[in-house]
Amino acid sequence: MASDGDPRVLFLMNLVLSFAFSAVVVWGFSVINVAPFDWTNVALATVFLMVATYLLVLR
């Protein structure tokens, strides 16, 4: 019988990985002059990725 794991751990892993990926993507966009690198853009991208991951994978 498989366990789904602790939801708090899954949430924290989702937060950390989404933040890291968002920071890299926003940095890349700033390098090619698509969007400036600032923490607001990173935070918005992180929230978007977390919600997308929750809707597409967890439910």
N, C-alpha and C. Protein backbone atom coordinates (compact mmCIF):
# COMPACT_ATOMS: atom_id res chain seq x y z
N MET A 1 0.84 -1.18 0.00
CA MET A 1 0.00 0.00 0.00
C MET A 1 0.89 1.25 0.00
N ALA A 2 0.70 2.10 -0.97
CA ALA A 2 1.53 3.30 -1.10
C ALA A 2 0.94 4.47 -0.33
N SER A 3 1.81 5.29 0.22
CA SER A 3 1.38 6.48 0.94
C SER A 3 1.54 7.70 0.04
N ASP A 4 0.62 8.65 0.15
CA ASP A 4 0.70 9.88 -0.64
C ASP A 4 1.69 10.87 -0.04
N GLY A 5 2.10 10.66 1.18
CA GLY A 5 3.05 11.56 1.83
C GLY A 5 2.33 12.65 2.60
N ASP A 6 3.10 13.36 3.37
CA ASP A 6 2.58 14.45 4.19
C ASP A 6 2.32 15.66 3.29
N PRO A 7 1.10 16.20 3.28
CA PRO A 7 0.79 17.34 2.41
C PRO A 7 1.64 18.57 2.71
N ARG A 8 2.08 18.73 3.95
CA ARG A 8 2.93 19.88 4.28
C ARG A 8 4.28 19.79 3.59
N VAL A 9 4.81 18.57 3.52
CA VAL A 9 6.09 18.36 2.84
C VAL A 9 5.92 18.59 1.34
N LEU A 10 4.84 18.10 0.78
CA LEU A 10 4.58 18.31 -0.65
C LEU A 10 4.43 19.79 -0.96
N PHE A 11 3.74 20.52 -0.09
CA PHE A 11 3.57 21.96 -0.29
C PHE A 11 4.92 22.68 -0.23
N LEU A 12 5.74 22.33 0.74
CA LEU A 12 7.05 22.97 0.88
C LEU A 12 7.95 22.66 -0.31
N MET A 13 7.95 21.40 -0.76
CA MET A 13 8.74 21.05 -1.94
C MET A 13 8.26 21.80 -3.17
N ASN A 14 6.96 21.91 -3.32
CA ASN A 14 6.39 22.65 -4.44
C ASN A 14 6.81 24.12 -4.37
N LEU A 15 6.77 24.70 -3.19
CA LEU A 15 7.16 26.10 -3.02
C LEU A 15 8.63 26.32 -3.38
N VAL A 16 9.50 25.48 -2.85
CA VAL A 16 10.94 25.65 -3.08
C VAL A 16 11.29 25.45 -4.55
N LEU A 17 10.77 24.38 -5.16
CA LEU A 17 11.09 24.11 -6.55
C LEU A 17 10.47 25.13 -7.50
N SER A 18 9.25 25.57 -7.21
CA SER A 18 8.62 26.60 -8.03
C SER A 18 9.37 27.92 -7.93
N PHE A 19 9.82 28.26 -6.73
CA PHE A 19 10.60 29.48 -6.55
C PHE A 19 11.90 29.43 -7.33
N ALA A 20 12.62 28.31 -7.22
CA ALA A 20 13.90 28.18 -7.92
C ALA A 20 13.71 28.27 -9.43
N PHE A 21 12.73 27.56 -9.95
CA PHE A 21 12.49 27.59 -11.39
C PHE A 21 12.06 28.98 -11.84
N SER A 22 11.20 29.62 -11.07
CA SER A 22 10.74 30.97 -11.41
C SER A 22 11.88 31.97 -11.42
N ALA A 23 12.77 31.86 -10.45
CA ALA A 23 13.91 32.78 -10.40
C ALA A 23 14.79 32.62 -11.63
N VAL A 24 15.02 31.38 -12.06
CA VAL A 24 15.83 31.14 -13.25
C VAL A 24 15.13 31.67 -14.50
N VAL A 25 13.84 31.44 -14.62
CA VAL A 25 13.09 31.90 -15.80
C VAL A 25 13.06 33.42 -15.86
N VAL A 26 12.76 34.07 -14.74
CA VAL A 26 12.72 35.53 -14.73
C VAL A 26 14.12 36.10 -15.00
N TRP A 27 15.16 35.48 -14.47
CA TRP A 27 16.52 35.92 -14.77
C TRP A 27 16.81 35.78 -16.27
N GLY A 28 16.39 34.67 -16.85
CA GLY A 28 16.59 34.47 -18.29
C GLY A 28 15.84 35.51 -19.11
N PHE A 29 14.62 35.83 -18.70
CA PHE A 29 13.86 36.87 -19.39
C PHE A 29 14.56 38.22 -19.28
N SER A 30 15.20 38.49 -18.15
CA SER A 30 15.89 39.76 -18.00
C SER A 30 17.14 39.82 -18.87
N VAL A 31 17.78 38.68 -19.09
CA VAL A 31 18.97 38.63 -19.94
C VAL A 31 18.62 38.96 -21.39
N ILE A 32 17.46 38.47 -21.85
CA ILE A 32 17.06 38.72 -23.23
C ILE A 32 16.12 39.92 -23.34
N ASN A 33 16.03 40.70 -22.28
CA ASN A 33 15.26 41.95 -22.24
C ASN A 33 13.77 41.76 -22.53
N VAL A 34 13.19 40.70 -22.00
CA VAL A 34 11.75 40.49 -22.12
C VAL A 34 11.04 41.08 -20.91
N ALA A 35 11.59 40.87 -19.73
CA ALA A 35 11.00 41.39 -18.49
C ALA A 35 12.13 41.68 -17.52
N PRO A 36 11.98 42.70 -16.69
CA PRO A 36 13.04 42.99 -15.72
C PRO A 36 13.05 41.97 -14.59
N PHE A 37 14.25 41.72 -14.05
CA PHE A 37 14.34 40.84 -12.89
C PHE A 37 14.04 41.66 -11.64
N ASP A 38 12.93 41.33 -11.01
CA ASP A 38 12.63 41.87 -9.69
C ASP A 38 11.86 40.81 -8.92
N TRP A 39 11.82 40.98 -7.62
CA TRP A 39 11.23 39.94 -6.77
C TRP A 39 9.73 39.83 -6.94
N THR A 40 9.09 40.89 -7.41
CA THR A 40 7.65 40.81 -7.67
C THR A 40 7.38 39.84 -8.82
N ASN A 41 8.17 39.92 -9.88
CA ASN A 41 8.00 38.99 -11.00
C ASN A 41 8.28 37.56 -10.57
N VAL A 42 9.29 37.37 -9.75
CA VAL A 42 9.62 36.03 -9.26
C VAL A 42 8.47 35.50 -8.40
N ALA A 43 7.93 36.33 -7.54
CA ALA A 43 6.82 35.90 -6.67
C ALA A 43 5.58 35.55 -7.48
N LEU A 44 5.25 36.38 -8.47
CA LEU A 44 4.08 36.09 -9.30
C LEU A 44 4.27 34.80 -10.10
N ALA A 45 5.44 34.60 -10.63
CA ALA A 45 5.71 33.36 -11.37
C ALA A 45 5.65 32.15 -10.44
N THR A 46 6.15 32.31 -9.22
CA THR A 46 6.11 31.21 -8.24
C THR A 46 4.67 30.84 -7.90
N VAL A 47 3.84 31.83 -7.65
CA VAL A 47 2.44 31.56 -7.34
C VAL A 47 1.75 30.89 -8.52
N PHE A 48 2.01 31.38 -9.72
CA PHE A 48 1.42 30.77 -10.92
C PHE A 48 1.82 29.30 -11.04
N LEU A 49 3.11 29.01 -10.87
CA LEU A 49 3.57 27.63 -10.97
C LEU A 49 3.00 26.74 -9.88
N MET A 50 2.89 27.28 -8.67
CA MET A 50 2.34 26.47 -7.58
C MET A 50 0.88 26.12 -7.83
N VAL A 51 0.11 27.09 -8.29
CA VAL A 51 -1.31 26.84 -8.58
C VAL A 51 -1.44 25.87 -9.74
N ALA A 52 -0.64 26.07 -10.79
CA ALA A 52 -0.70 25.17 -11.95
C ALA A 52 -0.33 23.74 -11.55
N THR A 53 0.71 23.60 -10.73
CA THR A 53 1.11 22.27 -10.27
C THR A 53 0.01 21.63 -9.43
N TYR A 54 -0.60 22.40 -8.57
CA TYR A 54 -1.67 21.86 -7.72
C TYR A 54 -2.84 21.39 -8.58
N LEU A 55 -3.24 22.21 -9.54
CA LEU A 55 -4.40 21.86 -10.38
C LEU A 55 -4.11 20.71 -11.33
N LEU A 56 -2.92 20.66 -11.88
CA LEU A 56 -2.62 19.64 -12.90
C LEU A 56 -2.10 18.33 -12.33
N VAL A 57 -1.41 18.37 -11.22
CA VAL A 57 -0.77 17.15 -10.72
C VAL A 57 -1.44 16.60 -9.48
N LEU A 58 -1.73 17.44 -8.52
CA LEU A 58 -2.20 16.94 -7.23
C LEU A 58 -3.69 16.63 -7.19
N ARG A 59 -4.46 17.22 -8.06
CA ARG A 59 -5.90 16.95 -8.04
C ARG A 59 -6.37 16.32 -9.31
